[in-house]
C-alpha atoms as a PDB file:
ATOM      1  CA  LEU A   1       4.469  30.897  23.944  1.00  0.00           C
ATOM      2  CA  SER A   2       7.442  32.668  24.098  1.00  0.00           C
ATOM      3  CA  CYS A   3       7.440  35.584  21.484  1.00  0.00           C
ATOM      4  CA  ASN A   4      11.076  33.738  19.896  1.00  0.00           C
ATOM      5  CA  THR A   5       8.669  30.484  19.158  1.00  0.00           C
ATOM      6  CA  ILE A   6       9.034  29.483  15.312  1.00  0.00           C
ATOM      7  CA  VAL A   7       6.215  28.744  13.129  1.00  0.00           C
ATOM      8  CA  SER A   8       6.448  27.164   9.674  1.00  0.00           C
ATOM      9  CA  THR A   9       5.115  25.642   6.923  1.00  0.00           C
ATOM     10  CA  GLY A  10       5.275  22.106   6.537  1.00  0.00           C
ATOM     11  CA  ALA A  11       3.834  20.124   3.933  1.00  0.00           C
ATOM     12  CA  MET A  12       0.750  17.897   3.256  1.00  0.00           C
ATOM     13  CA  ASP A  13       0.810  14.434   5.020  1.00  0.00           C
ATOM     14  CA  GLN A  14       1.642  12.001   2.383  1.00  0.00           C
ATOM     15  CA  VAL A  15       4.697  14.199   1.778  1.00  0.00           C
ATOM     16  CA  THR A  16       5.320  14.067   5.736  1.00  0.00           C
ATOM     17  CA  GLY A  17       4.947  10.770   5.574  1.00  0.00           C
ATOM     18  CA  ALA A  18       7.216   9.691   2.302  1.00  0.00           C
ATOM     19  CA  ILE A  19      10.475  12.363   4.554  1.00  0.00           C
ATOM     20  CA  GLY A  20       9.236   9.871   7.589  1.00  0.00           C
ATOM     21  CA  ALA A  21       9.801   6.674   5.668  1.00  0.00           C
ATOM     22  CA  GLY A  22      13.059   7.819   3.882  1.00  0.00           C
ATOM     23  CA  ASN A  23      11.225   8.422   0.419  1.00  0.00           C
ATOM     24  CA  ILE A  24      13.337  11.417  -1.019  1.00  0.00           C
ATOM     25  CA  GLU A  25      15.243   9.878  -3.630  1.00  0.00           C
ATOM     26  CA  GLU A  26      14.365   7.715  -7.145  1.00  0.00           C
ATOM     27  CA  GLY A  27      13.686   4.270  -6.643  1.00  0.00           C
ATOM     28  CA  ILE A  28      11.793   4.179  -3.239  1.00  0.00           C
ATOM     29  CA  VAL A  29       8.142   3.551  -2.716  1.00  0.00           C
ATOM     30  CA  SER A  30       6.368   3.864   0.008  1.00  0.00           C
ATOM     31  CA  GLU A  31       2.855   2.363   0.781  1.00  0.00           C
ATOM     32  CA  THR A  32       0.236   2.823   3.780  1.00  0.00           C
ATOM     33  CA  THR A  33      -2.208  -0.146   4.081  1.00  0.00           C
ATOM     34  CA  GLY A  34      -5.082   1.481   6.307  1.00  0.00           C
ATOM     35  CA  THR A  35      -8.490   1.755   5.748  1.00  0.00           C
ATOM     36  CA  ALA A  36      -7.284   2.787   2.158  1.00  0.00           C
ATOM     37  CA  MET A  37      -4.624   1.905   0.311  1.00  0.00           C
ATOM     38  CA  VAL A  38      -2.037   5.175  -0.217  1.00  0.00           C
ATOM     39  CA  ILE A  39       1.300   4.710  -2.757  1.00  0.00           C
ATOM     40  CA  ALA A  40       4.047   7.262  -2.945  1.00  0.00           C
ATOM     41  CA  ALA A  41       6.830   7.659  -4.873  1.00  0.00           C
ATOM     42  CA  THR A  42       9.362  10.274  -5.597  1.00  0.00           C
ATOM     43  CA  THR A  43       9.983  11.797  -8.777  1.00  0.00           C
ATOM     44  CA  ASN A  44      12.676  14.239 -10.282  1.00  0.00           C
ATOM     45  CA  SER A  45      10.918  14.707 -13.406  1.00  0.00           C
ATOM     46  CA  PRO A  46       7.351  13.821 -13.302  1.00  0.00           C
ATOM     47  CA  ALA A  47       4.890  13.203 -16.506  1.00  0.00           C
ATOM     48  CA  LEU A  48       2.230  15.799 -16.697  1.00  0.00           C
ATOM     49  CA  THR A  49       1.849  16.681 -20.201  1.00  0.00           C
ATOM     50  CA  GLU A  50      -1.253  13.851 -20.541  1.00  0.00           C
ATOM     51  CA  PRO A  51      -4.026  13.182 -18.181  1.00  0.00           C
ATOM     52  CA  SER A  52      -3.390  10.850 -14.988  1.00  0.00           C
ATOM     53  CA  PRO A  53      -5.266   9.254 -12.691  1.00  0.00           C
ATOM     54  CA  ILE A  54      -2.411   9.326 -10.284  1.00  0.00           C
ATOM     55  CA  SER A  55      -1.788  13.173  -8.622  1.00  0.00           C
ATOM     56  CA  VAL A  56       1.606  15.164  -8.426  1.00  0.00           C
ATOM     57  CA  TYR A  57       2.352  16.872  -5.532  1.00  0.00           C
ATOM     58  CA  SER A  58       5.328  19.304  -4.861  1.00  0.00           C
ATOM     59  CA  HIS A  59       7.720  17.090  -2.551  1.00  0.00           C
ATOM     60  CA  ALA A  60       9.025  19.126   0.318  1.00  0.00           C
ATOM     61  CA  GLU A  61      12.482  19.606  -1.084  1.00  0.00           C
ATOM     62  CA  LYS A  62      12.816  21.603  -4.021  1.00  0.00           C
ATOM     63  CA  GLY A  63      13.182  20.211  -7.391  1.00  0.00           C
ATOM     64  CA  LYS A  64      11.606  17.154  -6.177  1.00  0.00           C
ATOM     65  CA  TYR A  65       7.752  15.851  -6.754  1.00  0.00           C
ATOM     66  CA  LEU A  66       5.507  12.778  -5.339  1.00  0.00           C
ATOM     67  CA  TYR A  67       3.166  10.639  -7.125  1.00  0.00           C
ATOM     68  CA  VAL A  68       0.426   9.574  -4.868  1.00  0.00           C
ATOM     69  CA  ASP A  69      -2.082   6.624  -5.941  1.00  0.00           C
ATOM     70  CA  VAL A  70      -5.356   6.420  -3.519  1.00  0.00           C
ATOM     71  CA  ARG A  71      -6.947   3.198  -3.698  1.00  0.00           C
ATOM     72  CA  GLN A  72     -10.453   3.142  -1.478  1.00  0.00           C
ATOM     73  CA  THR A  73     -10.354   0.275  -0.331  1.00  0.00           C
ATOM     74  CA  ALA A  74      -7.869  -2.229   1.231  1.00  0.00           C
ATOM     75  CA  GLY A  75      -7.464  -2.356   4.889  1.00  0.00           C
ATOM     76  CA  ILE A  76     -11.202  -2.000   5.519  1.00  0.00           C
ATOM     77  CA  VAL A  77     -11.432  -5.217   3.454  1.00  0.00           C
ATOM     78  CA  LEU A  78     -10.040  -7.195   6.455  1.00  0.00           C
ATOM     79  CA  LYS A  79     -11.948  -4.942   8.921  1.00  0.00           C
ATOM     80  CA  TRP A  80     -15.145  -5.882   6.808  1.00  0.00           C
ATOM     81  CA  PHE A  81     -14.629  -9.739   6.864  1.00  0.00           C
ATOM     82  CA  ARG A  82     -13.570  -9.978  10.879  1.00  0.00           C
ATOM     83  CA  ASP A  83     -16.849  -8.050  11.850  1.00  0.00           C
ATOM     84  CA  GLU A  84     -18.879 -10.190   9.575  1.00  0.00           C
ATOM     85  CA  PHE A  85     -17.423 -13.621   9.048  1.00  0.00           C
ATOM     86  CA  CYS A  86     -15.076 -13.805  12.189  1.00  0.00           C
ATOM     87  CA  LYS A  87     -17.013 -12.776  15.037  1.00  0.00           C
ATOM     88  CA  ASP A  88     -16.135 -15.984  17.008  1.00  0.00           C
ATOM     89  CA  LEU A  89     -12.873 -14.499  16.961  1.00  0.00           C
ATOM     90  CA  PRO A  90     -11.709 -12.289  20.335  1.00  0.00           C
ATOM     91  CA  LYS A  91     -11.776  -8.953  18.731  1.00  0.00           C
ATOM     92  CA  GLU A  92      -8.368  -7.765  20.368  1.00  0.00           C
ATOM     93  CA  THR A  93      -6.638 -10.895  18.713  1.00  0.00           C
ATOM     94  CA  ALA A  94      -8.637 -11.275  15.707  1.00  0.00           C
ATOM     95  CA  PHE A  95      -6.555  -9.640  12.875  1.00  0.00           C
ATOM     96  CA  SER A  96      -3.534 -11.625  14.492  1.00  0.00           C
ATOM     97  CA  LEU A  97      -5.397 -15.084  14.122  1.00  0.00           C
ATOM     98  CA  MET A  98      -6.383 -13.894  10.761  1.00  0.00           C
ATOM     99  CA  THR A  99      -2.291 -13.503   9.661  1.00  0.00           C
ATOM    100  CA  ASP A 100      -2.203 -17.333  11.532  1.00  0.00           C
ATOM    101  CA  MET A 101      -4.824 -18.407   9.208  1.00  0.00           C
ATOM    102  CA  ALA A 102      -3.680 -17.114   6.156  1.00  0.00           C
ATOM    103  CA  ARG A 103      -0.689 -18.792   6.714  1.00  0.00           C
ATOM    104  CA  SER A 104      -1.947 -21.796   6.554  1.00  0.00           C
ATOM    105  CA  ALA A 105      -3.404 -21.548   3.291  1.00  0.00           C
ATOM    106  CA  PRO A 106      -1.723 -22.010   0.354  1.00  0.00           C
ATOM    107  CA  PRO A 107      -0.557 -19.034  -2.341  1.00  0.00           C
ATOM    108  CA  LEU A 108      -3.418 -18.431  -4.506  1.00  0.00           C
ATOM    109  CA  SER A 109      -5.501 -19.013  -1.965  1.00  0.00           C
ATOM    110  CA  ARG A 110      -6.610 -22.642  -3.770  1.00  0.00           C
ATOM    111  CA  GLY A 111      -7.732 -20.452  -6.551  1.00  0.00           C
ATOM    112  CA  LEU A 112      -9.667 -17.688  -4.713  1.00  0.00           C
ATOM    113  CA  CYS A 113      -9.190 -14.609  -6.200  1.00  0.00           C
ATOM    114  CA  LEU A 114     -10.340 -10.779  -4.777  1.00  0.00           C
ATOM    115  CA  TYR A 115     -11.192  -7.825  -6.730  1.00  0.00           C
ATOM    116  CA  PRO A 116     -11.069  -5.761  -3.910  1.00  0.00           C
ATOM    117  CA  HIS A 117     -12.776  -2.548  -5.014  1.00  0.00           C
ATOM    118  CA  PHE A 118     -15.804  -2.616  -2.582  1.00  0.00           C
ATOM    119  CA  THR A 119     -16.734   1.270  -2.968  1.00  0.00           C
ATOM    120  CA  GLY A 120     -16.226   1.340  -6.677  1.00  0.00           C
ATOM    121  CA  VAL A 121     -12.730   2.080  -8.849  1.00  0.00           C
ATOM    122  CA  GLN A 122     -10.716   4.672  -9.825  1.00  0.00           C
ATOM    123  CA  ALA A 123      -8.231   3.839 -11.644  1.00  0.00           C
ATOM    124  CA  PRO A 124      -6.787   2.662 -14.358  1.00  0.00           C
ATOM    125  CA  VAL A 125     -10.149   2.893 -15.562  1.00  0.00           C
ATOM    126  CA  PRO A 126     -12.905   5.215 -13.230  1.00  0.00           C
ATOM    127  CA  ASN A 127     -16.114   3.540 -12.428  1.00  0.00           C
ATOM    128  CA  GLU A 128     -18.227   4.012  -9.247  1.00  0.00           C
ATOM    129  CA  ASN A 129     -20.363   0.797 -10.103  1.00  0.00           C
ATOM    130  CA  ALA A 130     -17.596  -1.358  -9.684  1.00  0.00           C
ATOM    131  CA  ARG A 131     -17.911  -3.582  -6.756  1.00  0.00           C
ATOM    132  CA  GLY A 132     -15.398  -6.192  -4.882  1.00  0.00           C
ATOM    133  CA  VAL A 133     -15.964  -9.873  -6.112  1.00  0.00           C
ATOM    134  CA  PHE A 134     -14.451 -12.972  -4.858  1.00  0.00           C
ATOM    135  CA  PHE A 135     -14.098 -15.302  -7.705  1.00  0.00           C
ATOM    136  CA  GLY A 136     -12.817 -19.310  -7.898  1.00  0.00           C
ATOM    137  CA  MET A 137     -14.495 -20.349  -5.017  1.00  0.00           C
ATOM    138  CA  GLY A 138     -15.014 -24.307  -4.470  1.00  0.00           C
ATOM    139  CA  LEU A 139     -15.605 -26.913  -1.979  1.00  0.00           C
ATOM    140  CA  ASP A 140     -12.091 -26.850  -1.027  1.00  0.00           C
ATOM    141  CA  THR A 141     -12.370 -22.854   0.105  1.00  0.00           C
ATOM    142  CA  ASP A 142     -12.232 -22.383   3.732  1.00  0.00           C
ATOM    143  CA  ARG A 143     -12.010 -19.550   5.492  1.00  0.00           C
ATOM    144  CA  ALA A 144      -8.286 -19.449   5.588  1.00  0.00           C
ATOM    145  CA  CYS A 145      -8.631 -18.930   1.826  1.00  0.00           C
ATOM    146  CA  PHE A 146     -10.526 -15.934   2.165  1.00  0.00           C
ATOM    147  CA  ILE A 147      -8.198 -13.944   4.316  1.00  0.00           C
ATOM    148  CA  ARG A 148      -5.229 -14.917   2.061  1.00  0.00           C
ATOM    149  CA  ALA A 149      -7.030 -13.539  -0.790  1.00  0.00           C
ATOM    150  CA  ILE A 150      -7.739 -10.252   0.909  1.00  0.00           C
ATOM    151  CA  PHE A 151      -4.098 -10.119   1.312  1.00  0.00           C
ATOM    152  CA  GLU A 152      -3.462 -11.169  -2.192  1.00  0.00           C
ATOM    153  CA  GLY A 153      -5.643  -8.827  -3.772  1.00  0.00           C
ATOM    154  CA  VAL A 154      -4.791  -5.579  -2.128  1.00  0.00           C
ATOM    155  CA  ALA A 155      -0.891  -7.173  -3.114  1.00  0.00           C
ATOM    156  CA  TYR A 156      -2.533  -6.971  -6.807  1.00  0.00           C
ATOM    157  CA  GLU A 157      -3.669  -3.132  -6.199  1.00  0.00           C
ATOM    158  CA  LEU A 158      -0.485  -2.394  -5.289  1.00  0.00           C
ATOM    159  CA  LYS A 159       1.056  -3.759  -8.382  1.00  0.00           C
ATOM    160  CA  GLU A 160      -1.135  -2.480 -10.382  1.00  0.00           C
ATOM    161  CA  SER A 161      -0.735   1.368  -9.128  1.00  0.00           C
ATOM    162  CA  LEU A 162       3.215   0.559  -9.985  1.00  0.00           C
ATOM    163  CA  GLU A 163       2.779   0.010 -13.668  1.00  0.00           C
ATOM    164  CA  MET A 164       0.302   2.759 -13.763  1.00  0.00           C
ATOM    165  CA  MET A 165       3.321   4.982 -12.297  1.00  0.00           C
ATOM    166  CA  GLN A 166       5.764   3.064 -14.726  1.00  0.00           C
ATOM    167  CA  LEU A 167       8.066   1.910 -11.741  1.00  0.00           C
ATOM    168  CA  SER A 168      10.239  -0.106 -10.942  1.00  0.00           C
ATOM    169  CA  PRO A 169      11.406   0.443  -7.537  1.00  0.00           C
ATOM    170  CA  LEU A 170      14.210  -0.898  -5.340  1.00  0.00           C
ATOM    171  CA  GLN A 171      12.029  -1.008  -2.291  1.00  0.00           C
ATOM    172  CA  ILE A 172       8.759  -0.854  -0.698  1.00  0.00           C
ATOM    173  CA  VAL A 173       8.592   0.889   2.538  1.00  0.00           C
ATOM    174  CA  SER A 174       5.098  -0.495   3.776  1.00  0.00           C
ATOM    175  CA  MET A 175       3.424   1.506   6.975  1.00  0.00           C
ATOM    176  CA  GLY A 176      -0.261   1.289   8.317  1.00  0.00           C
ATOM    177  CA  GLY A 177      -2.265  -1.206  10.379  1.00  0.00           C
ATOM    178  CA  GLY A 178      -1.463  -3.439   7.144  1.00  0.00           C
ATOM    179  CA  SER A 179       1.835  -3.860   8.075  1.00  0.00           C
ATOM    180  CA  LYS A 180       1.810  -5.744  11.038  1.00  0.00           C
ATOM    181  CA  SER A 181       0.787  -8.809   9.815  1.00  0.00           C
ATOM    182  CA  ASP A 182       3.983 -10.697   8.548  1.00  0.00           C
ATOM    183  CA  VAL A 183       1.835 -12.555   5.951  1.00  0.00           C
ATOM    184  CA  TRP A 184       0.732  -9.572   4.142  1.00  0.00           C
ATOM    185  CA  ASN A 185       4.129  -8.316   3.798  1.00  0.00           C
ATOM    186  CA  GLN A 186       5.765 -11.397   2.390  1.00  0.00           C
ATOM    187  CA  ILE A 187       2.795 -11.596   0.357  1.00  0.00           C
ATOM    188  CA  LYS A 188       3.125  -7.861  -1.154  1.00  0.00           C
ATOM    189  CA  ALA A 189       7.414  -8.829  -1.600  1.00  0.00           C
ATOM    190  CA  ASP A 190       6.220 -12.302  -3.662  1.00  0.00           C
ATOM    191  CA  VAL A 191       3.964 -10.322  -5.784  1.00  0.00           C
ATOM    192  CA  LEU A 192       6.055  -7.221  -6.509  1.00  0.00           C
ATOM    193  CA  GLY A 193       9.315  -9.027  -6.669  1.00  0.00           C
ATOM    194  CA  VAL A 194      11.122  -6.936  -4.311  1.00  0.00           C
ATOM    195  CA  SER A 195      12.072  -5.787  -0.827  1.00  0.00           C
ATOM    196  CA  VAL A 196       9.031  -4.897   1.251  1.00  0.00           C
ATOM    197  CA  ALA A 197      10.661  -3.070   4.696  1.00  0.00           C
ATOM    198  CA  MET A 198       9.085  -1.438   7.634  1.00  0.00           C
ATOM    199  CA  PRO A 199      10.280   1.766   9.310  1.00  0.00           C
ATOM    200  CA  HIS A 200      11.728   2.202  12.435  1.00  0.00           C
ATOM    201  CA  THR A 201       8.861   4.525  13.374  1.00  0.00           C
ATOM    202  CA  GLY A 202       5.342   3.878  13.236  1.00  0.00           C
ATOM    203  CA  GLU A 203       4.861   7.354  13.119  1.00  0.00           C
ATOM    204  CA  ALA A 204       6.163   8.659   9.368  1.00  0.00           C
ATOM    205  CA  ALA A 205       4.105  11.844   9.033  1.00  0.00           C
ATOM    206  CA  SER A 206       4.776  13.112  12.944  1.00  0.00           C
ATOM    207  CA  LEU A 207       8.750  12.491  12.028  1.00  0.00           C
ATOM    208  CA  GLY A 208       8.518  14.025   8.889  1.00  0.00           C
ATOM    209  CA  ALA A 209       7.118  17.019  10.296  1.00  0.00           C
ATOM    210  CA  ALA A 210       9.071  16.989  13.055  1.00  0.00           C
ATOM    211  CA  VAL A 211      12.223  16.356  10.153  1.00  0.00           C
ATOM    212  CA  LEU A 212      10.528  19.934   8.631  1.00  0.00           C
ATOM    213  CA  GLY A 213      10.512  21.608  11.834  1.00  0.00           C
ATOM    214  CA  GLY A 214      14.266  21.170  12.690  1.00  0.00           C
ATOM    215  CA  ILE A 215      15.085  22.461   9.279  1.00  0.00           C
ATOM    216  CA  ALA A 216      13.240  25.609  10.557  1.00  0.00           C
ATOM    217  CA  CYS A 217      14.932  25.745  13.516  1.00  0.00           C
ATOM    218  CA  GLY A 218      18.048  25.231  12.198  1.00  0.00           C
ATOM    219  CA  ILE A 219      18.671  21.799  13.692  1.00  0.00           C
ATOM    220  CA  PHE A 220      19.254  20.147  10.459  1.00  0.00           C
ATOM    221  CA  PRO A 221      20.754  21.906   7.271  1.00  0.00           C
ATOM    222  CA  ASN A 222      18.526  19.912   5.091  1.00  0.00           C
ATOM    223  CA  ILE A 223      15.842  17.024   4.469  1.00  0.00           C
ATOM    224  CA  SER A 224      18.943  14.620   3.361  1.00  0.00           C
ATOM    225  CA  ALA A 225      20.774  14.991   6.965  1.00  0.00           C
ATOM    226  CA  PRO A 226      18.299  13.686   9.305  1.00  0.00           C
ATOM    227  CA  VAL A 227      16.730  11.061   6.560  1.00  0.00           C
ATOM    228  CA  LYS A 228      20.081   9.378   6.093  1.00  0.00           C
ATOM    229  CA  LYS A 229      20.218   8.084   9.693  1.00  0.00           C
ATOM    230  CA  LEU A 230      16.452   6.883   9.200  1.00  0.00           C
ATOM    231  CA  LYS A 231      16.563   2.605   9.509  1.00  0.00           C
ATOM    232  CA  THR A 232      14.472   0.030   8.665  1.00  0.00           C
ATOM    233  CA  LYS A 233      12.956  -2.691  11.281  1.00  0.00           C
ATOM    234  CA  GLU A 234      12.430  -5.407   9.090  1.00  0.00           C
ATOM    235  CA  ALA A 235      12.824  -5.913   5.393  1.00  0.00           C
ATOM    236  CA  TYR A 236      11.042  -9.279   3.396  1.00  0.00           C
ATOM    237  CA  LEU A 237      12.524 -10.392   0.764  1.00  0.00           C
ATOM    238  CA  PRO A 238      10.603 -11.973  -2.654  1.00  0.00           C
ATOM    239  CA  ASP A 239      10.608 -15.647  -2.818  1.00  0.00           C
ATOM    240  CA  ARG A 240      11.606 -16.136  -6.417  1.00  0.00           C
ATOM    241  CA  ASN A 241      10.265 -19.625  -6.729  1.00  0.00           C
ATOM    242  CA  LEU A 242       6.623 -17.792  -6.205  1.00  0.00           C
ATOM    243  CA  ALA A 243       7.023 -15.500  -9.133  1.00  0.00           C
ATOM    244  CA  ASP A 244       5.129 -17.406 -11.928  1.00  0.00           C
ATOM    245  CA  THR A 245       2.963 -18.206  -9.381  1.00  0.00           C
ATOM    246  CA  TYR A 246       1.244 -14.776  -8.548  1.00  0.00           C
ATOM    247  CA  THR A 247       2.076 -13.536 -12.116  1.00  0.00           C
ATOM    248  CA  LYS A 248      -0.236 -15.942 -12.517  1.00  0.00           C
ATOM    249  CA  GLY A 249      -2.618 -14.523  -9.769  1.00  0.00           C
ATOM    250  CA  TYR A 250      -1.925 -11.192 -10.658  1.00  0.00           C
ATOM    251  CA  ALA A 251      -3.038 -12.217 -14.672  1.00  0.00           C
ATOM    252  CA  THR A 252      -6.581 -13.270 -12.948  1.00  0.00           C
ATOM    253  CA  TYR A 253      -6.916 -10.513 -11.246  1.00  0.00           C
ATOM    254  CA  LYS A 254      -5.945  -7.712 -13.951  1.00  0.00           C
ATOM    255  CA  SER A 255      -9.168  -9.853 -16.412  1.00  0.00           C
ATOM    256  CA  MET A 256     -11.488  -9.674 -13.569  1.00  0.00           C
ATOM    257  CA  TYR A 257     -12.776  -5.573 -14.363  1.00  0.00           C
ATOM    258  CA  ASN A 258     -13.515  -6.257 -17.706  1.00  0.00           C
ATOM    259  CA  SER A 259     -14.989  -9.573 -17.026  1.00  0.00           C
ATOM    260  CA  PHE A 260     -17.426  -8.039 -14.198  1.00  0.00           C
ATOM    261  CA  LEU A 261     -18.233  -4.597 -16.684  1.00  0.00           C
ATOM    262  CA  PRO A 262     -21.678  -6.013 -17.733  1.00  0.00           C
ATOM    263  CA  LEU A 263     -22.693  -6.839 -14.298  1.00  0.00           C
ATOM    264  CA  PHE A 264     -21.227  -3.959 -12.837  1.00  0.00           C
ATOM    265  CA  ASP A 265     -22.856  -1.315 -15.373  1.00  0.00           C
ATOM    266  CA  ARG A 266     -26.342  -3.204 -15.035  1.00  0.00           C
ATOM    267  CA  SER A 267     -26.353  -2.552 -11.233  1.00  0.00           C
END
């Protein structure tokens, strides 16, 4: 390395991911649906006076903060279902084929609802005994319904997180492996009632780190300058005709924890 090499501090991964997703102003929320789901929201005035399961980090830009909520099981539930119940599908195209199956199932999956907390729940009430529940199976429930119920259950997790943060975002920027599914993206938009967009690059955290490095080297004057040039490559708008439908589905999801709590605590 040259003696003139600049070494600069960056930020924790969720902060750099937020920068790479353009999440540097209030009103924008980014979420990553990978193994877990991570929801991040920029705020100028975080609520720090009351205990909360939502973590608050300093943003990379002075005077701003980042709410971060983590849901432990999201995309891993879809992977589990693929590995256990879709062994007949070619592994290299299984997720794509599963998305097509979910597309064929109706909203609310013919009454099937998933409580997607397979390894315990952290919020709004922490309980390590909580487990995943598929509720509402009937003789008309097929494999497509199970896959769509997974998509919908994770979308409900996202909605619950936003409610806990008391946020009404203008847009969700979606990242991670889950964002490769157009059906999943559309379901999130329909459940939340806001548009869901994908960043132009799939490596938002690396891009955010590069922005911070560029500032250290004098290439950019501040974070806003390069972030304003970022583009989203696709956006999914909510279907307003499904608003009442998913309000009912979310109500079922919200009632599941208390309904199954006696069974969770017995285990």
